[in-house]
Amino acid sequence: MRLDIYLKVSRLIKRRTIANEACTQGRVLLNGRAAKPAADVKAGDTLSLRLGNRALHVRVLSLPEHANKANAQELYAVLEDEV
């Protein structure tokens, strides 16, 4: 699954266009490396997001095509949340 789509489906970032911009600006790391929006995400990968003053590190658990708001938090496990 594309990185920008995963960020939207998992609701880590609200909109795909914002996820796309965050990736192109280097604010999203996939397994410790800067990732482009089209990077392939697999279960077990780690993501690091810098959004404003917040740094969030998560591990990808599953990759469904769609998820509702209640199930979105089950798609990843938070490793570290820095404010």
PDB file of N, CA and C in Angstrom:
ATOM      1  N   MET A   1       0.844  -1.173   0.000  1.00  0.00           N
ATOM      2  CA  MET A   1       0.000   0.000   0.000  1.00  0.00           C
ATOM      3  C   MET A   1       0.894   1.241   0.000  1.00  0.00           C
ATOM      4  N   ARG A   2       0.472   2.247  -0.721  1.00  0.00           N
ATOM      5  CA  ARG A   2       1.219   3.507  -0.758  1.00  0.00           C
ATOM      6  C   ARG A   2       1.239   4.159   0.629  1.00  0.00           C
ATOM      7  N   LEU A   3       2.329   4.817   0.937  1.00  0.00           N
ATOM      8  CA  LEU A   3       2.498   5.457   2.237  1.00  0.00           C
ATOM      9  C   LEU A   3       1.447   6.530   2.484  1.00  0.00           C
ATOM     10  N   ASP A   4       1.200   7.403   1.510  1.00  0.00           N
ATOM     11  CA  ASP A   4       0.235   8.474   1.724  1.00  0.00           C
ATOM     12  C   ASP A   4      -1.184   7.931   1.940  1.00  0.00           C
ATOM     13  N   ILE A   5      -1.524   6.844   1.278  1.00  0.00           N
ATOM     14  CA  ILE A   5      -2.841   6.234   1.470  1.00  0.00           C
ATOM     15  C   ILE A   5      -2.926   5.599   2.858  1.00  0.00           C
ATOM     16  N   TYR A   6      -1.861   4.934   3.299  1.00  0.00           N
ATOM     17  CA  TYR A   6      -1.861   4.325   4.634  1.00  0.00           C
ATOM     18  C   TYR A   6      -2.032   5.388   5.723  1.00  0.00           C
ATOM     19  N   LEU A   7      -1.337   6.513   5.572  1.00  0.00           N
ATOM     20  CA  LEU A   7      -1.447   7.579   6.567  1.00  0.00           C
ATOM     21  C   LEU A   7      -2.878   8.099   6.661  1.00  0.00           C
ATOM     22  N   LYS A   8      -3.566   8.152   5.540  1.00  0.00           N
ATOM     23  CA  LYS A   8      -4.960   8.605   5.530  1.00  0.00           C
ATOM     24  C   LYS A   8      -5.888   7.542   6.106  1.00  0.00           C
ATOM     25  N   VAL A   9      -5.760   6.286   5.657  1.00  0.00           N
ATOM     26  CA  VAL A   9      -6.638   5.207   6.120  1.00  0.00           C
ATOM     27  C   VAL A   9      -6.489   5.000   7.625  1.00  0.00           C
ATOM     28  N   SER A  10      -5.258   5.079   8.131  1.00  0.00           N
ATOM     29  CA  SER A  10      -5.018   4.864   9.560  1.00  0.00           C
ATOM     30  C   SER A  10      -5.356   6.103  10.387  1.00  0.00           C
ATOM     31  N   ARG A  11      -5.669   7.190   9.708  1.00  0.00           N
ATOM     32  CA  ARG A  11      -6.025   8.459  10.337  1.00  0.00           C
ATOM     33  C   ARG A  11      -4.884   9.064  11.159  1.00  0.00           C
ATOM     34  N   LEU A  12      -3.653   8.716  10.795  1.00  0.00           N
ATOM     35  CA  LEU A  12      -2.504   9.398  11.396  1.00  0.00           C
ATOM     36  C   LEU A  12      -2.433  10.820  10.862  1.00  0.00           C
ATOM     37  N   ILE A  13      -2.831  10.986   9.599  1.00  0.00           N
ATOM     38  CA  ILE A  13      -2.955  12.302   8.967  1.00  0.00           C
ATOM     39  C   ILE A  13      -4.341  12.354   8.333  1.00  0.00           C
ATOM     40  N   LYS A  14      -5.011  13.476   8.487  1.00  0.00           N
ATOM     41  CA  LYS A  14      -6.424  13.588   8.126  1.00  0.00           C
ATOM     42  C   LYS A  14      -6.704  13.436   6.632  1.00  0.00           C
ATOM     43  N   ARG A  15      -5.898  14.058   5.778  1.00  0.00           N
ATOM     44  CA  ARG A  15      -6.164  14.043   4.338  1.00  0.00           C
ATOM     45  C   ARG A  15      -4.960  13.517   3.574  1.00  0.00           C
ATOM     46  N   ARG A  16      -5.243  12.891   2.430  1.00  0.00           N
ATOM     47  CA  ARG A  16      -4.163  12.324   1.615  1.00  0.00           C
ATOM     48  C   ARG A  16      -3.258  13.422   1.059  1.00  0.00           C
ATOM     49  N   THR A  17      -3.808  14.563   0.705  1.00  0.00           N
ATOM     50  CA  THR A  17      -2.973  15.642   0.172  1.00  0.00           C
ATOM     51  C   THR A  17      -1.996  16.151   1.227  1.00  0.00           C
ATOM     52  N   ILE A  18      -2.436  16.209   2.472  1.00  0.00           N
ATOM     53  CA  ILE A  18      -1.555  16.640   3.559  1.00  0.00           C
ATOM     54  C   ILE A  18      -0.494  15.576   3.816  1.00  0.00           C
ATOM     55  N   ALA A  19      -0.880  14.300   3.737  1.00  0.00           N
ATOM     56  CA  ALA A  19       0.079  13.205   3.892  1.00  0.00           C
ATOM     57  C   ALA A  19       1.115  13.262   2.777  1.00  0.00           C
ATOM     58  N   ASN A  20       0.674  13.554   1.562  1.00  0.00           N
ATOM     59  CA  ASN A  20       1.572  13.671   0.418  1.00  0.00           C
ATOM     60  C   ASN A  20       2.577  14.802   0.632  1.00  0.00           C
ATOM     61  N   GLU A  21       2.105  15.950   1.087  1.00  0.00           N
ATOM     62  CA  GLU A  21       2.986  17.090   1.353  1.00  0.00           C
ATOM     63  C   GLU A  21       3.984  16.792   2.468  1.00  0.00           C
ATOM     64  N   ALA A  22       3.532  16.131   3.526  1.00  0.00           N
ATOM     65  CA  ALA A  22       4.418  15.786   4.641  1.00  0.00           C
ATOM     66  C   ALA A  22       5.536  14.868   4.169  1.00  0.00           C
ATOM     67  N   CYS A  23       5.213  13.929   3.288  1.00  0.00           N
ATOM     68  CA  CYS A  23       6.231  13.015   2.760  1.00  0.00           C
ATOM     69  C   CYS A  23       7.244  13.756   1.886  1.00  0.00           C
ATOM     70  N   THR A  24       6.771  14.626   1.013  1.00  0.00           N
ATOM     71  CA  THR A  24       7.683  15.334   0.117  1.00  0.00           C
ATOM     72  C   THR A  24       8.549  16.343   0.871  1.00  0.00           C
ATOM     73  N   GLN A  25       8.080  16.821   2.027  1.00  0.00           N
ATOM     74  CA  GLN A  25       8.867  17.748   2.840  1.00  0.00           C
ATOM     75  C   GLN A  25       9.835  17.032   3.770  1.00  0.00           C
ATOM     76  N   GLY A  26       9.850  15.696   3.761  1.00  0.00           N
ATOM     77  CA  GLY A  26      10.771  14.936   4.586  1.00  0.00           C
ATOM     78  C   GLY A  26      10.346  14.795   6.034  1.00  0.00           C
ATOM     79  N   ARG A  27       9.066  14.981   6.316  1.00  0.00           N
ATOM     80  CA  ARG A  27       8.566  14.873   7.692  1.00  0.00           C
ATOM     81  C   ARG A  27       8.152  13.463   8.073  1.00  0.00           C
ATOM     82  N   VAL A  28       8.179  12.547   7.097  1.00  0.00           N
ATOM     83  CA  VAL A  28       7.796  11.159   7.354  1.00  0.00           C
ATOM     84  C   VAL A  28       8.982  10.256   7.012  1.00  0.00           C
ATOM     85  N   LEU A  29       9.368   9.420   7.970  1.00  0.00           N
ATOM     86  CA  LEU A  29      10.444   8.461   7.760  1.00  0.00           C
ATOM     87  C   LEU A  29       9.858   7.061   7.780  1.00  0.00           C
ATOM     88  N   LEU A  30      10.288   6.242   6.838  1.00  0.00           N
ATOM     89  CA  LEU A  30       9.870   4.851   6.767  1.00  0.00           C
ATOM     90  C   LEU A  30      11.088   3.997   7.043  1.00  0.00           C
ATOM     91  N   ASN A  31      11.074   3.291   8.153  1.00  0.00           N
ATOM     92  CA  ASN A  31      12.212   2.473   8.590  1.00  0.00           C
ATOM     93  C   ASN A  31      13.497   3.298   8.682  1.00  0.00           C
ATOM     94  N   GLY A  32      13.382   4.529   9.173  1.00  0.00           N
ATOM     95  CA  GLY A  32      14.542   5.382   9.405  1.00  0.00           C
ATOM     96  C   GLY A  32      15.021   6.175   8.209  1.00  0.00           C
ATOM     97  N   ARG A  33      14.357   6.064   7.074  1.00  0.00           N
ATOM     98  CA  ARG A  33      14.765   6.796   5.865  1.00  0.00           C
ATOM     99  C   ARG A  33      13.625   7.679   5.386  1.00  0.00           C
ATOM    100  N   ALA A  34      13.984   8.818   4.819  1.00  0.00           N
ATOM    101  CA  ALA A  34      12.962   9.705   4.256  1.00  0.00           C
ATOM    102  C   ALA A  34      12.212   8.949   3.167  1.00  0.00           C
ATOM    103  N   ALA A  35      10.893   9.083   3.160  1.00  0.00           N
ATOM    104  CA  ALA A  35      10.069   8.303   2.238  1.00  0.00           C
ATOM    105  C   ALA A  35       9.239   9.209   1.345  1.00  0.00           C
ATOM    106  N   LYS A  36       9.101   8.787   0.099  1.00  0.00           N
ATOM    107  CA  LYS A  36       8.234   9.478  -0.841  1.00  0.00           C
ATOM    108  C   LYS A  36       6.803   8.992  -0.636  1.00  0.00           C
ATOM    109  N   PRO A  37       5.821   9.759  -1.097  1.00  0.00           N
ATOM    110  CA  PRO A  37       4.419   9.373  -0.896  1.00  0.00           C
ATOM    111  C   PRO A  37       4.073   8.009  -1.499  1.00  0.00           C
ATOM    112  N   ALA A  38       4.745   7.598  -2.558  1.00  0.00           N
ATOM    113  CA  ALA A  38       4.431   6.332  -3.225  1.00  0.00           C
ATOM    114  C   ALA A  38       5.216   5.157  -2.653  1.00  0.00           C
ATOM    115  N   ALA A  39       5.963   5.356  -1.579  1.00  0.00           N
ATOM    116  CA  ALA A  39       6.741   4.272  -0.982  1.00  0.00           C
ATOM    117  C   ALA A  39       5.802   3.158  -0.527  1.00  0.00           C
ATOM    118  N   ASP A  40       6.251   1.918  -0.664  1.00  0.00           N
ATOM    119  CA  ASP A  40       5.446   0.756  -0.313  1.00  0.00           C
ATOM    120  C   ASP A  40       5.554   0.467   1.179  1.00  0.00           C
ATOM    121  N   VAL A  41       4.415   0.422   1.860  1.00  0.00           N
ATOM    122  CA  VAL A  41       4.367   0.145   3.298  1.00  0.00           C
ATOM    123  C   VAL A  41       3.921  -1.298   3.499  1.00  0.00           C
ATOM    124  N   LYS A  42       4.609  -2.017   4.393  1.00  0.00           N
ATOM    125  CA  LYS A  42       4.263  -3.399   4.712  1.00  0.00           C
ATOM    126  C   LYS A  42       4.058  -3.526   6.216  1.00  0.00           C
ATOM    127  N   ALA A  43       3.359  -4.562   6.637  1.00  0.00           N
ATOM    128  CA  ALA A  43       3.166  -4.821   8.062  1.00  0.00           C
ATOM    129  C   ALA A  43       4.537  -5.057   8.696  1.00  0.00           C
ATOM    130  N   GLY A  44       4.763  -4.456   9.854  1.00  0.00           N
ATOM    131  CA  GLY A  44       6.041  -4.574  10.545  1.00  0.00           C
ATOM    132  C   GLY A  44       6.960  -3.384  10.335  1.00  0.00           C
ATOM    133  N   ASP A  45       6.668  -2.534   9.349  1.00  0.00           N
ATOM    134  CA  ASP A  45       7.473  -1.335   9.109  1.00  0.00           C
ATOM    135  C   ASP A  45       7.277  -0.340  10.250  1.00  0.00           C
ATOM    136  N   THR A  46       8.268   0.522  10.449  1.00  0.00           N
ATOM    137  CA  THR A  46       8.140   1.598  11.434  1.00  0.00           C
ATOM    138  C   THR A  46       8.057   2.926  10.704  1.00  0.00           C
ATOM    139  N   LEU A  47       7.196   3.794  11.211  1.00  0.00           N
ATOM    140  CA  LEU A  47       7.010   5.130  10.652  1.00  0.00           C
ATOM    141  C   LEU A  47       7.334   6.152  11.725  1.00  0.00           C
ATOM    142  N   SER A  48       8.016   7.213  11.332  1.00  0.00           N
ATOM    143  CA  SER A  48       8.288   8.342  12.215  1.00  0.00           C
ATOM    144  C   SER A  48       7.714   9.576  11.554  1.00  0.00           C
ATOM    145  N   LEU A  49       6.832  10.273  12.257  1.00  0.00           N
ATOM    146  CA  LEU A  49       6.189  11.468  11.720  1.00  0.00           C
ATOM    147  C   LEU A  49       6.545  12.665  12.578  1.00  0.00           C
ATOM    148  N   ARG A  50       6.903  13.768  11.932  1.00  0.00           N
ATOM    149  CA  ARG A  50       7.106  15.039  12.629  1.00  0.00           C
ATOM    150  C   ARG A  50       6.010  15.990  12.161  1.00  0.00           C
ATOM    151  N   LEU A  51       5.072  16.271  13.053  1.00  0.00           N
ATOM    152  CA  LEU A  51       3.952  17.147  12.727  1.00  0.00           C
ATOM    153  C   LEU A  51       3.918  18.278  13.730  1.00  0.00           C
ATOM    154  N   GLY A  52       4.371  19.436  13.326  1.00  0.00           N
ATOM    155  CA  GLY A  52       4.451  20.573  14.240  1.00  0.00           C
ATOM    156  C   GLY A  52       5.491  20.294  15.302  1.00  0.00           C
ATOM    157  N   ASN A  53       5.120  20.412  16.568  1.00  0.00           N
ATOM    158  CA  ASN A  53       6.031  20.142  17.677  1.00  0.00           C
ATOM    159  C   ASN A  53       6.010  18.683  18.101  1.00  0.00           C
ATOM    160  N   ARG A  54       5.166  17.888  17.473  1.00  0.00           N
ATOM    161  CA  ARG A  54       4.967  16.494  17.878  1.00  0.00           C
ATOM    162  C   ARG A  54       5.781  15.543  17.010  1.00  0.00           C
ATOM    163  N   ALA A  55       6.405  14.564  17.635  1.00  0.00           N
ATOM    164  CA  ALA A  55       7.095  13.489  16.919  1.00  0.00           C
ATOM    165  C   ALA A  55       6.428  12.186  17.329  1.00  0.00           C
ATOM    166  N   LEU A  56       5.977  11.419  16.351  1.00  0.00           N
ATOM    167  CA  LEU A  56       5.243  10.193  16.608  1.00  0.00           C
ATOM    168  C   LEU A  56       5.941   9.044  15.902  1.00  0.00           C
ATOM    169  N   HIS A  57       6.199   7.960  16.636  1.00  0.00           N
ATOM    170  CA  HIS A  57       6.837   6.770  16.085  1.00  0.00           C
ATOM    171  C   HIS A  57       5.858   5.615  16.254  1.00  0.00           C
ATOM    172  N   VAL A  58       5.513   4.957  15.129  1.00  0.00           N
ATOM    173  CA  VAL A  58       4.535   3.867  15.162  1.00  0.00           C
ATOM    174  C   VAL A  58       5.043   2.666  14.372  1.00  0.00           C
ATOM    175  N   ARG A  59       4.504   1.497  14.695  1.00  0.00           N
ATOM    176  CA  ARG A  59       4.769   0.272  13.936  1.00  0.00           C
ATOM    177  C   ARG A  59       3.480  -0.118  13.225  1.00  0.00           C
ATOM    178  N   VAL A  60       3.594  -0.415  11.938  1.00  0.00           N
ATOM    179  CA  VAL A  60       2.446  -0.801  11.118  1.00  0.00           C
ATOM    180  C   VAL A  60       2.048  -2.229  11.483  1.00  0.00           C
ATOM    181  N   LEU A  61       0.764  -2.435  11.805  1.00  0.00           N
ATOM    182  CA  LEU A  61       0.272  -3.760  12.172  1.00  0.00           C
ATOM    183  C   LEU A  61      -0.513  -4.425  11.044  1.00  0.00           C
ATOM    184  N   SER A  62      -1.353  -3.659  10.353  1.00  0.00           N
ATOM    185  CA  SER A  62      -2.145  -4.223   9.253  1.00  0.00           C
ATOM    186  C   SER A  62      -2.411  -3.158   8.202  1.00  0.00           C
ATOM    187  N   LEU A  63      -2.803  -3.623   6.999  1.00  0.00           N
ATOM    188  CA  LEU A  63      -2.974  -2.733   5.852  1.00  0.00           C
ATOM    189  C   LEU A  63      -4.312  -2.947   5.141  1.00  0.00           C
ATOM    190  N   PRO A  64      -5.443  -2.646   5.763  1.00  0.00           N
ATOM    191  CA  PRO A  64      -6.715  -2.796   5.054  1.00  0.00           C
ATOM    192  C   PRO A  64      -6.938  -1.631   4.090  1.00  0.00           C
ATOM    193  N   GLU A  65      -7.763  -1.871   3.083  1.00  0.00           N
ATOM    194  CA  GLU A  65      -8.069  -0.818   2.111  1.00  0.00           C
ATOM    195  C   GLU A  65      -8.919   0.288   2.733  1.00  0.00           C
ATOM    196  N   HIS A  66      -9.797  -0.089   3.662  1.00  0.00           N
ATOM    197  CA  HIS A  66     -10.676   0.873   4.318  1.00  0.00           C
ATOM    198  C   HIS A  66     -10.732   0.548   5.803  1.00  0.00           C
ATOM    199  N   ALA A  67     -10.906   1.578   6.602  1.00  0.00           N
ATOM    200  CA  ALA A  67     -11.074   1.380   8.042  1.00  0.00           C
ATOM    201  C   ALA A  67     -11.982   2.475   8.560  1.00  0.00           C
ATOM    202  N   ASN A  68     -12.865   2.110   9.469  1.00  0.00           N
ATOM    203  CA  ASN A  68     -13.701   3.143  10.059  1.00  0.00           C
ATOM    204  C   ASN A  68     -12.958   3.766  11.241  1.00  0.00           C
ATOM    205  N   LYS A  69     -13.532   4.803  11.778  1.00  0.00           N
ATOM    206  CA  LYS A  69     -12.863   5.563  12.833  1.00  0.00           C
ATOM    207  C   LYS A  69     -12.547   4.701  14.055  1.00  0.00           C
ATOM    208  N   ALA A  70     -13.427   3.789  14.404  1.00  0.00           N
ATOM    209  CA  ALA A  70     -13.225   2.938  15.574  1.00  0.00           C
ATOM    210  C   ALA A  70     -12.074   1.950  15.379  1.00  0.00           C
ATOM    211  N   ASN A  71     -11.878   1.471  14.153  1.00  0.00           N
ATOM    212  CA  ASN A  71     -10.842   0.480  13.877  1.00  0.00           C
ATOM    213  C   ASN A  71      -9.508   1.082  13.459  1.00  0.00           C
ATOM    214  N   ALA A  72      -9.451   2.372  13.208  1.00  0.00           N
ATOM    215  CA  ALA A  72      -8.241   3.007  12.683  1.00  0.00           C
ATOM    216  C   ALA A  72      -7.051   2.849  13.620  1.00  0.00           C
ATOM    217  N   GLN A  73      -7.258   2.898  14.928  1.00  0.00           N
ATOM    218  CA  GLN A  73      -6.145   2.803  15.874  1.00  0.00           C
ATOM    219  C   GLN A  73      -5.608   1.380  15.987  1.00  0.00           C
ATOM    220  N   GLU A  74      -6.315   0.396  15.458  1.00  0.00           N
ATOM    221  CA  GLU A  74      -5.841  -0.984  15.482  1.00  0.00           C
ATOM    222  C   GLU A  74      -4.869  -1.274  14.341  1.00  0.00           C
ATOM    223  N   LEU A  75      -4.682  -0.320  13.434  1.00  0.00           N
ATOM    224  CA  LEU A  75      -3.805  -0.519  12.287  1.00  0.00           C
ATOM    225  C   LEU A  75      -2.336  -0.272  12.624  1.00  0.00           C
ATOM    226  N   TYR A  76      -2.059   0.333  13.776  1.00  0.00           N
ATOM    227  CA  TYR A  76      -0.692   0.654  14.156  1.00  0.00           C
ATOM    228  C   TYR A  76      -0.550   0.595  15.675  1.00  0.00           C
ATOM    229  N   ALA A  77       0.700   0.458  16.117  1.00  0.00           N
ATOM    230  CA  ALA A  77       1.011   0.490  17.545  1.00  0.00           C
ATOM    231  C   ALA A  77       1.960   1.659  17.784  1.00  0.00           C
ATOM    232  N   VAL A  78       1.626   2.502  18.727  1.00  0.00           N
ATOM    233  CA  VAL A  78       2.450   3.668  19.038  1.00  0.00           C
ATOM    234  C   VAL A  78       3.676   3.196  19.828  1.00  0.00           C
ATOM    235  N   LEU A  79       4.853   3.493  19.304  1.00  0.00           N
ATOM    236  CA  LEU A  79       6.096   3.149  19.977  1.00  0.00           C
ATOM    237  C   LEU A  79       6.552   4.283  20.864  1.00  0.00           C
ATOM    238  N   GLU A  80       6.406   5.507  20.363  1.00  0.00           N
ATOM    239  CA  GLU A  80       6.842   6.683  21.115  1.00  0.00           C
ATOM    240  C   GLU A  80       6.063   7.896  20.639  1.00  0.00           C
ATOM    241  N   ASP A  81       5.667   8.750  21.579  1.00  0.00           N
ATOM    242  CA  ASP A  81       4.920   9.958  21.244  1.00  0.00           C
ATOM    243  C   ASP A  81       5.561  11.114  21.999  1.00  0.00           C
ATOM    244  N   GLU A  82       6.311  11.954  21.291  1.00  0.00           N
ATOM    245  CA  GLU A  82       7.021  13.070  21.902  1.00  0.00           C
ATOM    246  C   GLU A  82       6.295  14.365  21.588  1.00  0.00           C
ATOM    247  N   VAL A  83       6.128  15.182  22.611  1.00  0.00           N
ATOM    248  CA  VAL A  83       5.467  16.482  22.411  1.00  0.00           C
ATOM    249  C   VAL A  83       6.473  17.589  22.630  1.00  0.00           C
TER     250      VAL A  83
END
